[in-house]
Amino acid sequence: MRAYLMRPIYSVHVLIFITLAMLSLNLEAWTREEGFNEGDVGQSVQSTGAMDDAAGGTKYSAEQSFDGTLSAKMSIAAGATGFGSWGGIVNFPNDLRSGDSYWVQFYMYIPDSFYISTPTNGSLKFLRIRTATAQGSNGGYNDFQIMDDGTRADAVYRFIKEGVWDRGWMEIGSSSERSTLLPRDRWFKVELALSFGVSPVSEGGNSYVRLWIDDQLVWNGTNAQTLSGSDHIADALYIFTYWNGDAPQSQSLYIDNLIMTSDTPSNRDSRGNPYIGDRGISGSGGEVVEPATAPPARIEGLTVE
């Protein structure tokens, strides 16, 4: 067996190889955008591919539009749970794994008459990131919910990673912040970021969940776990899709200008966190929001669909 001394030229080759490898990894990052302007009024957004599943009742609408002429109108009937028609699923172009990060941003318009009531568990499924095991079975959702307008007025949102129940619910905001964190009768911007992993930042790992409303950081969930296993993957975004305890009335809300990406954005918020932020689209408005202080995580009665 011979031992060779690496000459300087080999160092250059190694540097080139590492650089090309990093570029290759960067090329795997993806971005998906949906402006909801490519269909006809009344047409299902699923029929055009703007959403991939469970969006049969989400229609192109000209009743409200943040940018362009149309938006996605999400409707539910009184007494329905709504899966298949309420909201929709947007698949990731490629699966994300431990060590990967993900951002999603969109605009939402909630009429003042829209009422949230979820008698079975006190919160409404809002944004969920589906995860799966290496064998393809359910790995538990990263479940971000809107707190019930009536029975749980002490918080505005809450988060849990299904499958790691001992970490408990992590609540965001208070009743005094509801008009800012979940406004009515105007377009507002929602952005969510997740870094995937089994160990939260607060424990020396890389996992976190962050929420911005109108470009203001309102929750920095450094104690959030986002994968139940190190070999699990994340593969889809669920927007609403299921109403806990049946919808209290027939009603609709609107979303527009959805973007999601695994490519680290160039924008930084006031704390230096990467986020999609301003995309050069005017009309959002909104008040300045201080980050909400979430109480310690706790286990409560759970209803999981």
C-alpha atoms as a PDB file:
ATOM      1  CA  MET A   1       0.000   0.000   0.000  1.00  0.00           C
ATOM      2  CA  ARG A   2       1.365   3.355  -0.957  1.00  0.00           C
ATOM      3  CA  ALA A   3       0.864   6.622   0.881  1.00  0.00           C
ATOM      4  CA  TYR A   4       0.756   9.775  -1.211  1.00  0.00           C
ATOM      5  CA  LEU A   5       1.360  13.343  -0.163  1.00  0.00           C
ATOM      6  CA  MET A   6      -1.336  15.629  -1.492  1.00  0.00           C
ATOM      7  CA  ARG A   7       0.194  18.354  -3.571  1.00  0.00           C
ATOM      8  CA  PRO A   8      -1.327  21.869  -3.689  1.00  0.00           C
ATOM      9  CA  ILE A   9      -2.984  21.171  -7.049  1.00  0.00           C
ATOM     10  CA  TYR A  10      -5.061  18.454  -5.385  1.00  0.00           C
ATOM     11  CA  SER A  11      -6.270  21.009  -2.862  1.00  0.00           C
ATOM     12  CA  VAL A  12      -7.552  23.076  -5.758  1.00  0.00           C
ATOM     13  CA  HIS A  13      -9.338  20.037  -7.177  1.00  0.00           C
ATOM     14  CA  VAL A  14     -10.918  19.299  -3.811  1.00  0.00           C
ATOM     15  CA  LEU A  15     -12.059  22.921  -3.510  1.00  0.00           C
ATOM     16  CA  ILE A  16     -13.604  22.777  -6.995  1.00  0.00           C
ATOM     17  CA  PHE A  17     -15.349  19.506  -6.129  1.00  0.00           C
ATOM     18  CA  ILE A  18     -16.805  20.921  -2.909  1.00  0.00           C
ATOM     19  CA  THR A  19     -17.961  24.078  -4.708  1.00  0.00           C
ATOM     20  CA  LEU A  20     -19.660  22.051  -7.445  1.00  0.00           C
ATOM     21  CA  ALA A  21     -21.293  19.831  -4.815  1.00  0.00           C
ATOM     22  CA  MET A  22     -22.670  22.889  -3.023  1.00  0.00           C
ATOM     23  CA  LEU A  23     -24.002  24.274  -6.294  1.00  0.00           C
ATOM     24  CA  SER A  24     -25.622  20.920  -7.021  1.00  0.00           C
ATOM     25  CA  LEU A  25     -27.348  20.944  -3.633  1.00  0.00           C
ATOM     26  CA  ASN A  26     -28.553  24.501  -4.243  1.00  0.00           C
ATOM     27  CA  LEU A  27     -30.028  23.458  -7.593  1.00  0.00           C
ATOM     28  CA  GLU A  28     -32.243  20.956  -5.718  1.00  0.00           C
ATOM     29  CA  ALA A  29     -33.988  23.805  -3.873  1.00  0.00           C
ATOM     30  CA  TRP A  30     -37.405  24.567  -5.291  1.00  0.00           C
ATOM     31  CA  THR A  31     -40.039  27.301  -5.369  1.00  0.00           C
ATOM     32  CA  ARG A  32     -43.725  27.001  -6.252  1.00  0.00           C
ATOM     33  CA  GLU A  33     -45.949  30.029  -6.840  1.00  0.00           C
ATOM     34  CA  GLU A  34     -49.716  30.219  -7.416  1.00  0.00           C
ATOM     35  CA  GLY A  35     -51.303  33.583  -8.267  1.00  0.00           C
ATOM     36  CA  PHE A  36     -54.837  32.171  -8.765  1.00  0.00           C
ATOM     37  CA  ASN A  37     -55.357  34.222 -11.928  1.00  0.00           C
ATOM     38  CA  GLU A  38     -55.200  31.398 -14.489  1.00  0.00           C
ATOM     39  CA  GLY A  39     -58.739  30.051 -14.243  1.00  0.00           C
ATOM     40  CA  ASP A  40     -62.325  31.078 -14.861  1.00  0.00           C
ATOM     41  CA  VAL A  41     -64.694  32.401 -12.209  1.00  0.00           C
ATOM     42  CA  GLY A  42     -66.419  29.455 -10.539  1.00  0.00           C
ATOM     43  CA  GLN A  43     -63.861  26.922 -11.777  1.00  0.00           C
ATOM     44  CA  SER A  44     -62.206  24.648  -9.233  1.00  0.00           C
ATOM     45  CA  VAL A  45     -58.562  25.583  -8.598  1.00  0.00           C
ATOM     46  CA  GLN A  46     -57.808  21.857  -8.488  1.00  0.00           C
ATOM     47  CA  SER A  47     -58.912  21.451 -12.096  1.00  0.00           C
ATOM     48  CA  THR A  48     -56.123  23.784 -13.268  1.00  0.00           C
ATOM     49  CA  GLY A  49     -53.416  22.341 -11.014  1.00  0.00           C
ATOM     50  CA  ALA A  50     -53.184  25.404  -8.751  1.00  0.00           C
ATOM     51  CA  MET A  51     -53.920  22.953  -5.919  1.00  0.00           C
ATOM     52  CA  ASP A  52     -53.338  19.226  -6.082  1.00  0.00           C
ATOM     53  CA  ASP A  53     -55.992  17.588  -3.916  1.00  0.00           C
ATOM     54  CA  ALA A  54     -58.923  18.080  -1.510  1.00  0.00           C
ATOM     55  CA  ALA A  55     -59.784  21.392  -3.224  1.00  0.00           C
ATOM     56  CA  GLY A  56     -62.934  20.495  -5.120  1.00  0.00           C
ATOM     57  CA  GLY A  57     -64.898  23.328  -3.536  1.00  0.00           C
ATOM     58  CA  THR A  58     -62.183  25.978  -3.741  1.00  0.00           C
ATOM     59  CA  LYS A  59     -63.092  28.147  -6.722  1.00  0.00           C
ATOM     60  CA  TYR A  60     -61.626  31.025  -8.683  1.00  0.00           C
ATOM     61  CA  SER A  61     -63.447  34.176  -7.624  1.00  0.00           C
ATOM     62  CA  ALA A  62     -63.552  37.839  -8.621  1.00  0.00           C
ATOM     63  CA  GLU A  63     -65.374  38.854  -5.421  1.00  0.00           C
ATOM     64  CA  GLN A  64     -62.069  39.641  -3.727  1.00  0.00           C
ATOM     65  CA  SER A  65     -58.585  39.837  -5.231  1.00  0.00           C
ATOM     66  CA  PHE A  66     -55.385  41.076  -3.698  1.00  0.00           C
ATOM     67  CA  ASP A  67     -53.386  41.175  -6.915  1.00  0.00           C
ATOM     68  CA  GLY A  68     -54.653  40.611 -10.439  1.00  0.00           C
ATOM     69  CA  THR A  69     -58.319  39.886 -11.036  1.00  0.00           C
ATOM     70  CA  LEU A  70     -59.006  36.598  -9.213  1.00  0.00           C
ATOM     71  CA  SER A  71     -58.357  34.818  -5.935  1.00  0.00           C
ATOM     72  CA  ALA A  72     -59.071  31.375  -4.477  1.00  0.00           C
ATOM     73  CA  LYS A  73     -62.421  31.334  -2.669  1.00  0.00           C
ATOM     74  CA  MET A  74     -62.524  28.671   0.046  1.00  0.00           C
ATOM     75  CA  SER A  75     -66.037  27.708   1.100  1.00  0.00           C
ATOM     76  CA  ILE A  76     -67.642  25.308   3.551  1.00  0.00           C
ATOM     77  CA  ALA A  77     -71.276  24.337   4.139  1.00  0.00           C
ATOM     78  CA  ALA A  78     -72.982  24.486   7.523  1.00  0.00           C
ATOM     79  CA  GLY A  79     -72.582  21.217   9.422  1.00  0.00           C
ATOM     80  CA  ALA A  80     -69.797  19.908   7.170  1.00  0.00           C
ATOM     81  CA  THR A  81     -66.272  18.836   8.079  1.00  0.00           C
ATOM     82  CA  GLY A  82     -65.321  19.751   4.532  1.00  0.00           C
ATOM     83  CA  PHE A  83     -62.507  17.389   3.580  1.00  0.00           C
ATOM     84  CA  GLY A  84     -62.255  17.267  -0.210  1.00  0.00           C
ATOM     85  CA  SER A  85     -63.971  20.602  -0.720  1.00  0.00           C
ATOM     86  CA  TRP A  86     -62.825  23.027   2.004  1.00  0.00           C
ATOM     87  CA  GLY A  87     -59.345  24.466   1.443  1.00  0.00           C
ATOM     88  CA  GLY A  88     -56.843  22.308  -0.402  1.00  0.00           C
ATOM     89  CA  ILE A  89     -53.534  20.459  -0.563  1.00  0.00           C
ATOM     90  CA  VAL A  90     -50.449  21.793  -2.358  1.00  0.00           C
ATOM     91  CA  ASN A  91     -47.749  19.182  -2.870  1.00  0.00           C
ATOM     92  CA  PHE A  92     -44.055  19.944  -2.550  1.00  0.00           C
ATOM     93  CA  PRO A  93     -42.164  19.630  -5.860  1.00  0.00           C
ATOM     94  CA  ASN A  94     -39.630  17.480  -3.959  1.00  0.00           C
ATOM     95  CA  ASP A  95     -39.642  15.963  -0.485  1.00  0.00           C
ATOM     96  CA  LEU A  96     -37.858  17.793   2.329  1.00  0.00           C
ATOM     97  CA  ARG A  97     -35.782  16.039   4.981  1.00  0.00           C
ATOM     98  CA  SER A  98     -34.001  16.663   8.249  1.00  0.00           C
ATOM     99  CA  GLY A  99     -31.764  19.689   7.799  1.00  0.00           C
ATOM    100  CA  ASP A 100     -33.980  21.249   5.112  1.00  0.00           C
ATOM    101  CA  SER A 101     -36.000  24.440   5.598  1.00  0.00           C
ATOM    102  CA  TYR A 102     -39.337  25.565   4.176  1.00  0.00           C
ATOM    103  CA  TRP A 103     -41.179  28.869   3.841  1.00  0.00           C
ATOM    104  CA  VAL A 104     -44.767  29.506   2.757  1.00  0.00           C
ATOM    105  CA  GLN A 105     -46.416  32.912   2.328  1.00  0.00           C
ATOM    106  CA  PHE A 106     -49.834  33.977   1.085  1.00  0.00           C
ATOM    107  CA  TYR A 107     -52.461  36.688   1.505  1.00  0.00           C
ATOM    108  CA  MET A 108     -55.805  36.010   3.160  1.00  0.00           C
ATOM    109  CA  TYR A 109     -59.099  37.876   3.373  1.00  0.00           C
ATOM    110  CA  ILE A 110     -61.576  36.864   6.101  1.00  0.00           C
ATOM    111  CA  PRO A 111     -64.988  38.573   6.004  1.00  0.00           C
ATOM    112  CA  ASP A 112     -66.198  40.017   9.284  1.00  0.00           C
ATOM    113  CA  SER A 113     -69.148  37.596   9.183  1.00  0.00           C
ATOM    114  CA  PHE A 114     -66.861  34.536   9.100  1.00  0.00           C
ATOM    115  CA  TYR A 115     -67.329  32.608  12.345  1.00  0.00           C
ATOM    116  CA  ILE A 116     -64.975  30.026  13.841  1.00  0.00           C
ATOM    117  CA  SER A 117     -66.573  27.540  16.206  1.00  0.00           C
ATOM    118  CA  THR A 118     -64.999  24.138  16.864  1.00  0.00           C
ATOM    119  CA  PRO A 119     -66.801  22.530  19.811  1.00  0.00           C
ATOM    120  CA  THR A 120     -64.817  19.281  19.738  1.00  0.00           C
ATOM    121  CA  ASN A 121     -61.389  20.771  20.479  1.00  0.00           C
ATOM    122  CA  GLY A 122     -61.455  24.576  20.472  1.00  0.00           C
ATOM    123  CA  SER A 123     -59.339  25.240  17.385  1.00  0.00           C
ATOM    124  CA  LEU A 124     -59.533  25.060  13.604  1.00  0.00           C
ATOM    125  CA  LYS A 125     -56.961  23.315  11.443  1.00  0.00           C
ATOM    126  CA  PHE A 126     -55.316  26.098   9.419  1.00  0.00           C
ATOM    127  CA  LEU A 127     -51.878  25.232   7.995  1.00  0.00           C
ATOM    128  CA  ARG A 128     -50.525  21.702   8.215  1.00  0.00           C
ATOM    129  CA  ILE A 129     -47.295  20.281   6.878  1.00  0.00           C
ATOM    130  CA  ARG A 130     -47.641  16.573   6.207  1.00  0.00           C
ATOM    131  CA  THR A 131     -44.758  14.291   7.136  1.00  0.00           C
ATOM    132  CA  ALA A 132     -44.195  10.614   6.385  1.00  0.00           C
ATOM    133  CA  THR A 133     -41.943   7.826   7.598  1.00  0.00           C
ATOM    134  CA  ALA A 134     -39.235   6.296   5.413  1.00  0.00           C
ATOM    135  CA  GLN A 135     -41.726   3.494   4.678  1.00  0.00           C
ATOM    136  CA  GLY A 136     -44.375   5.981   3.529  1.00  0.00           C
ATOM    137  CA  SER A 137     -46.794   5.793   6.454  1.00  0.00           C
ATOM    138  CA  ASN A 138     -48.134   8.843   8.283  1.00  0.00           C
ATOM    139  CA  GLY A 139     -45.395  10.620  10.223  1.00  0.00           C
ATOM    140  CA  GLY A 140     -47.717  13.141  11.902  1.00  0.00           C
ATOM    141  CA  TYR A 141     -48.591  16.672  10.807  1.00  0.00           C
ATOM    142  CA  ASN A 142     -46.974  19.927  11.834  1.00  0.00           C
ATOM    143  CA  ASP A 143     -50.343  21.314  12.821  1.00  0.00           C
ATOM    144  CA  PHE A 144     -50.847  25.080  13.010  1.00  0.00           C
ATOM    145  CA  GLN A 145     -54.379  25.981  14.125  1.00  0.00           C
ATOM    146  CA  ILE A 146     -56.600  29.031  14.633  1.00  0.00           C
ATOM    147  CA  MET A 147     -57.985  29.158  18.152  1.00  0.00           C
ATOM    148  CA  ASP A 148     -61.738  29.137  18.539  1.00  0.00           C
ATOM    149  CA  ASP A 149     -63.259  32.631  18.462  1.00  0.00           C
ATOM    150  CA  GLY A 150     -65.469  31.880  21.440  1.00  0.00           C
ATOM    151  CA  THR A 151     -64.343  29.067  23.719  1.00  0.00           C
ATOM    152  CA  ARG A 152     -60.579  29.675  23.525  1.00  0.00           C
ATOM    153  CA  ALA A 153     -60.280  33.459  23.327  1.00  0.00           C
ATOM    154  CA  ASP A 154     -57.048  33.454  25.390  1.00  0.00           C
ATOM    155  CA  ALA A 155     -54.902  32.713  22.306  1.00  0.00           C
ATOM    156  CA  VAL A 156     -55.102  33.334  18.562  1.00  0.00           C
ATOM    157  CA  TYR A 157     -53.089  30.399  17.161  1.00  0.00           C
ATOM    158  CA  ARG A 158     -51.536  27.213  18.458  1.00  0.00           C
ATOM    159  CA  PHE A 159     -49.038  24.661  17.130  1.00  0.00           C
ATOM    160  CA  ILE A 160     -48.312  21.001  17.774  1.00  0.00           C
ATOM    161  CA  LYS A 161     -46.253  18.330  16.059  1.00  0.00           C
ATOM    162  CA  GLU A 162     -48.430  15.233  15.912  1.00  0.00           C
ATOM    163  CA  GLY A 163     -46.571  12.175  17.113  1.00  0.00           C
ATOM    164  CA  VAL A 164     -44.517  13.997  19.731  1.00  0.00           C
ATOM    165  CA  TRP A 165     -47.445  14.793  22.003  1.00  0.00           C
ATOM    166  CA  ASP A 166     -45.296  15.229  25.105  1.00  0.00           C
ATOM    167  CA  ARG A 167     -44.106  18.597  23.768  1.00  0.00           C
ATOM    168  CA  GLY A 168     -47.696  19.791  23.991  1.00  0.00           C
ATOM    169  CA  TRP A 169     -49.546  22.697  22.417  1.00  0.00           C
ATOM    170  CA  MET A 170     -47.602  25.904  21.895  1.00  0.00           C
ATOM    171  CA  GLU A 171     -49.955  28.892  21.947  1.00  0.00           C
ATOM    172  CA  ILE A 172     -49.427  32.206  20.165  1.00  0.00           C
ATOM    173  CA  GLY A 173     -50.998  35.562  20.916  1.00  0.00           C
ATOM    174  CA  SER A 174     -53.786  36.672  23.226  1.00  0.00           C
ATOM    175  CA  SER A 175     -57.347  37.893  22.840  1.00  0.00           C
ATOM    176  CA  SER A 176     -56.166  41.512  22.855  1.00  0.00           C
ATOM    177  CA  GLU A 177     -54.060  40.781  19.742  1.00  0.00           C
ATOM    178  CA  ARG A 178     -56.753  38.989  17.750  1.00  0.00           C
ATOM    179  CA  SER A 179     -57.660  41.978  15.557  1.00  0.00           C
ATOM    180  CA  THR A 180     -53.980  42.358  14.609  1.00  0.00           C
ATOM    181  CA  LEU A 181     -52.978  38.708  14.274  1.00  0.00           C
ATOM    182  CA  LEU A 182     -56.227  37.592  12.594  1.00  0.00           C
ATOM    183  CA  PRO A 183     -57.815  40.715  11.076  1.00  0.00           C
ATOM    184  CA  ARG A 184     -61.150  40.822   9.273  1.00  0.00           C
ATOM    185  CA  ASP A 185     -62.380  42.601   6.133  1.00  0.00           C
ATOM    186  CA  ARG A 186     -58.912  43.306   4.726  1.00  0.00           C
ATOM    187  CA  TRP A 187     -56.106  41.415   3.030  1.00  0.00           C
ATOM    188  CA  PHE A 188     -53.269  40.439   5.336  1.00  0.00           C
ATOM    189  CA  LYS A 189     -50.099  38.457   4.788  1.00  0.00           C
ATOM    190  CA  VAL A 190     -49.306  35.166   6.499  1.00  0.00           C
ATOM    191  CA  GLU A 191     -45.852  33.594   6.418  1.00  0.00           C
ATOM    192  CA  LEU A 192     -44.737  30.395   8.088  1.00  0.00           C
ATOM    193  CA  ALA A 193     -41.221  28.917   8.179  1.00  0.00           C
ATOM    194  CA  LEU A 194     -40.116  25.498   9.387  1.00  0.00           C
ATOM    195  CA  SER A 195     -36.676  23.998   9.772  1.00  0.00           C
ATOM    196  CA  PHE A 196     -37.040  20.225   9.781  1.00  0.00           C
ATOM    197  CA  GLY A 197     -35.456  18.121  12.484  1.00  0.00           C
ATOM    198  CA  VAL A 198     -36.036  16.044  15.611  1.00  0.00           C
ATOM    199  CA  SER A 199     -34.209  18.357  18.015  1.00  0.00           C
ATOM    200  CA  PRO A 200     -35.378  21.978  18.560  1.00  0.00           C
ATOM    201  CA  VAL A 201     -33.028  24.946  18.447  1.00  0.00           C
ATOM    202  CA  SER A 202     -33.655  25.450  22.159  1.00  0.00           C
ATOM    203  CA  GLU A 203     -32.054  22.041  22.770  1.00  0.00           C
ATOM    204  CA  GLY A 204     -29.074  22.576  20.480  1.00  0.00           C
ATOM    205  CA  GLY A 205     -30.708  21.234  17.314  1.00  0.00           C
ATOM    206  CA  ASN A 206     -31.939  22.864  14.125  1.00  0.00           C
ATOM    207  CA  SER A 207     -35.739  22.531  14.352  1.00  0.00           C
ATOM    208  CA  TYR A 208     -37.971  25.598  14.654  1.00  0.00           C
ATOM    209  CA  VAL A 209     -41.263  27.103  13.501  1.00  0.00           C
ATOM    210  CA  ARG A 210     -41.718  30.836  12.868  1.00  0.00           C
ATOM    211  CA  LEU A 211     -44.799  32.918  12.078  1.00  0.00           C
ATOM    212  CA  TRP A 212     -44.977  36.370  10.527  1.00  0.00           C
ATOM    213  CA  ILE A 213     -48.134  38.451  10.061  1.00  0.00           C
ATOM    214  CA  ASP A 214     -47.787  41.352   7.628  1.00  0.00           C
ATOM    215  CA  ASP A 215     -43.992  40.887   7.661  1.00  0.00           C
ATOM    216  CA  GLN A 216     -43.773  41.173  11.448  1.00  0.00           C
ATOM    217  CA  LEU A 217     -42.393  38.216  13.406  1.00  0.00           C
ATOM    218  CA  VAL A 218     -45.044  37.217  15.952  1.00  0.00           C
ATOM    219  CA  TRP A 219     -43.726  33.812  17.026  1.00  0.00           C
ATOM    220  CA  ASN A 220     -40.243  32.336  17.075  1.00  0.00           C
ATOM    221  CA  GLY A 221     -40.882  28.721  18.037  1.00  0.00           C
ATOM    222  CA  THR A 222     -37.352  27.617  18.867  1.00  0.00           C
ATOM    223  CA  ASN A 223     -38.786  24.855  21.095  1.00  0.00           C
ATOM    224  CA  ALA A 224     -40.792  23.242  18.273  1.00  0.00           C
ATOM    225  CA  GLN A 225     -39.966  19.764  16.946  1.00  0.00           C
ATOM    226  CA  THR A 226     -40.907  19.311  13.276  1.00  0.00           C
ATOM    227  CA  LEU A 227     -40.068  15.647  12.504  1.00  0.00           C
ATOM    228  CA  SER A 228     -40.857  12.574  14.596  1.00  0.00           C
ATOM    229  CA  GLY A 229     -37.922  10.613  13.155  1.00  0.00           C
ATOM    230  CA  SER A 230     -34.594  11.596  11.629  1.00  0.00           C
ATOM    231  CA  ASP A 231     -35.408   9.662   8.436  1.00  0.00           C
ATOM    232  CA  HIS A 232     -38.891  11.153   8.023  1.00  0.00           C
ATOM    233  CA  ILE A 233     -39.807  13.492   5.159  1.00  0.00           C
ATOM    234  CA  ALA A 234     -42.182  16.439   4.628  1.00  0.00           C
ATOM    235  CA  ASP A 235     -44.097  16.488   1.348  1.00  0.00           C
ATOM    236  CA  ALA A 236     -47.225  18.690   1.297  1.00  0.00           C
ATOM    237  CA  LEU A 237     -48.988  21.779   2.601  1.00  0.00           C
ATOM    238  CA  TYR A 238     -52.600  21.498   3.768  1.00  0.00           C
ATOM    239  CA  ILE A 239     -54.570  24.758   3.899  1.00  0.00           C
ATOM    240  CA  PHE A 240     -57.636  24.231   6.114  1.00  0.00           C
ATOM    241  CA  THR A 241     -59.172  20.983   4.595  1.00  0.00           C
ATOM    242  CA  TYR A 242     -60.977  19.793   7.752  1.00  0.00           C
ATOM    243  CA  TRP A 243     -63.329  21.598  10.132  1.00  0.00           C
ATOM    244  CA  ASN A 244     -63.164  20.226  13.655  1.00  0.00           C
ATOM    245  CA  GLY A 245     -66.658  19.748  15.081  1.00  0.00           C
ATOM    246  CA  ASP A 246     -68.502  20.738  11.868  1.00  0.00           C
ATOM    247  CA  ALA A 247     -68.776  24.237  10.392  1.00  0.00           C
ATOM    248  CA  PRO A 248     -71.223  26.468  12.292  1.00  0.00           C
ATOM    249  CA  GLN A 249     -72.581  28.104   9.118  1.00  0.00           C
ATOM    250  CA  SER A 250     -72.087  28.232   5.357  1.00  0.00           C
ATOM    251  CA  GLN A 251     -69.286  30.718   4.737  1.00  0.00           C
ATOM    252  CA  SER A 252     -66.225  31.580   2.652  1.00  0.00           C
ATOM    253  CA  LEU A 253     -62.837  33.264   2.868  1.00  0.00           C
ATOM    254  CA  TYR A 254     -60.190  34.026   0.239  1.00  0.00           C
ATOM    255  CA  ILE A 255     -56.481  33.480  -0.330  1.00  0.00           C
ATOM    256  CA  ASP A 256     -54.205  34.913  -2.999  1.00  0.00           C
ATOM    257  CA  ASN A 257     -50.564  34.977  -4.160  1.00  0.00           C
ATOM    258  CA  LEU A 258     -49.286  31.790  -2.586  1.00  0.00           C
ATOM    259  CA  ILE A 259     -45.567  31.096  -2.679  1.00  0.00           C
ATOM    260  CA  MET A 260     -43.653  28.300  -1.000  1.00  0.00           C
ATOM    261  CA  THR A 261     -39.964  27.530  -1.249  1.00  0.00           C
ATOM    262  CA  SER A 262     -37.110  25.450   0.128  1.00  0.00           C
ATOM    263  CA  ASP A 263     -34.585  27.989  -1.181  1.00  0.00           C
ATOM    264  CA  THR A 264     -33.415  30.291   1.618  1.00  0.00           C
ATOM    265  CA  PRO A 265     -34.874  33.763   0.893  1.00  0.00           C
ATOM    266  CA  SER A 266     -32.536  36.737   0.631  1.00  0.00           C
ATOM    267  CA  ASN A 267     -34.765  38.972   2.780  1.00  0.00           C
ATOM    268  CA  ARG A 268     -34.146  39.204   6.520  1.00  0.00           C
ATOM    269  CA  ASP A 269     -36.581  40.351   9.202  1.00  0.00           C
ATOM    270  CA  SER A 270     -35.688  42.798  11.966  1.00  0.00           C
ATOM    271  CA  ARG A 271     -34.085  39.965  13.947  1.00  0.00           C
ATOM    272  CA  GLY A 272     -31.991  38.680  11.056  1.00  0.00           C
ATOM    273  CA  ASN A 273     -34.167  35.660  10.282  1.00  0.00           C
ATOM    274  CA  PRO A 274     -34.497  34.711   6.600  1.00  0.00           C
ATOM    275  CA  TYR A 275     -38.038  35.136   5.311  1.00  0.00           C
ATOM    276  CA  ILE A 276     -39.872  35.761   2.051  1.00  0.00           C
ATOM    277  CA  GLY A 277     -41.113  39.131   3.280  1.00  0.00           C
ATOM    278  CA  ASP A 278     -41.785  41.876   0.769  1.00  0.00           C
ATOM    279  CA  ARG A 279     -42.205  40.569  -2.786  1.00  0.00           C
ATOM    280  CA  GLY A 280     -42.838  44.013  -4.216  1.00  0.00           C
ATOM    281  CA  ILE A 281     -46.612  43.595  -4.086  1.00  0.00           C
ATOM    282  CA  SER A 282     -48.413  46.618  -2.685  1.00  0.00           C
ATOM    283  CA  GLY A 283     -51.650  46.749  -0.763  1.00  0.00           C
ATOM    284  CA  SER A 284     -50.998  44.670   2.356  1.00  0.00           C
ATOM    285  CA  GLY A 285     -50.961  47.377   4.990  1.00  0.00           C
ATOM    286  CA  GLY A 286     -51.077  46.228   8.571  1.00  0.00           C
ATOM    287  CA  GLU A 287     -49.960  47.267  11.993  1.00  0.00           C
ATOM    288  CA  VAL A 288     -46.567  46.719  13.566  1.00  0.00           C
ATOM    289  CA  VAL A 289     -46.714  43.601  15.731  1.00  0.00           C
ATOM    290  CA  GLU A 290     -44.413  42.640  18.604  1.00  0.00           C
ATOM    291  CA  PRO A 291     -43.539  38.934  18.858  1.00  0.00           C
ATOM    292  CA  ALA A 292     -46.213  37.187  20.892  1.00  0.00           C
ATOM    293  CA  THR A 293     -45.088  35.451  24.056  1.00  0.00           C
ATOM    294  CA  ALA A 294     -46.272  31.860  24.082  1.00  0.00           C
ATOM    295  CA  PRO A 295     -46.870  30.223  27.471  1.00  0.00           C
ATOM    296  CA  PRO A 296     -45.060  26.944  28.239  1.00  0.00           C
ATOM    297  CA  ALA A 297     -46.175  24.023  26.091  1.00  0.00           C
ATOM    298  CA  ARG A 298     -48.806  21.824  27.680  1.00  0.00           C
ATOM    299  CA  ILE A 299     -50.873  18.778  26.882  1.00  0.00           C
ATOM    300  CA  GLU A 300     -54.605  19.269  26.537  1.00  0.00           C
ATOM    301  CA  GLY A 301     -57.497  17.136  25.374  1.00  0.00           C
ATOM    302  CA  LEU A 302     -56.747  16.209  21.750  1.00  0.00           C
ATOM    303  CA  THR A 303     -58.951  15.504  18.781  1.00  0.00           C
ATOM    304  CA  VAL A 304     -56.839  14.445  15.830  1.00  0.00           C
ATOM    305  CA  GLU A 305     -58.134  13.875  12.312  1.00  0.00           C
END
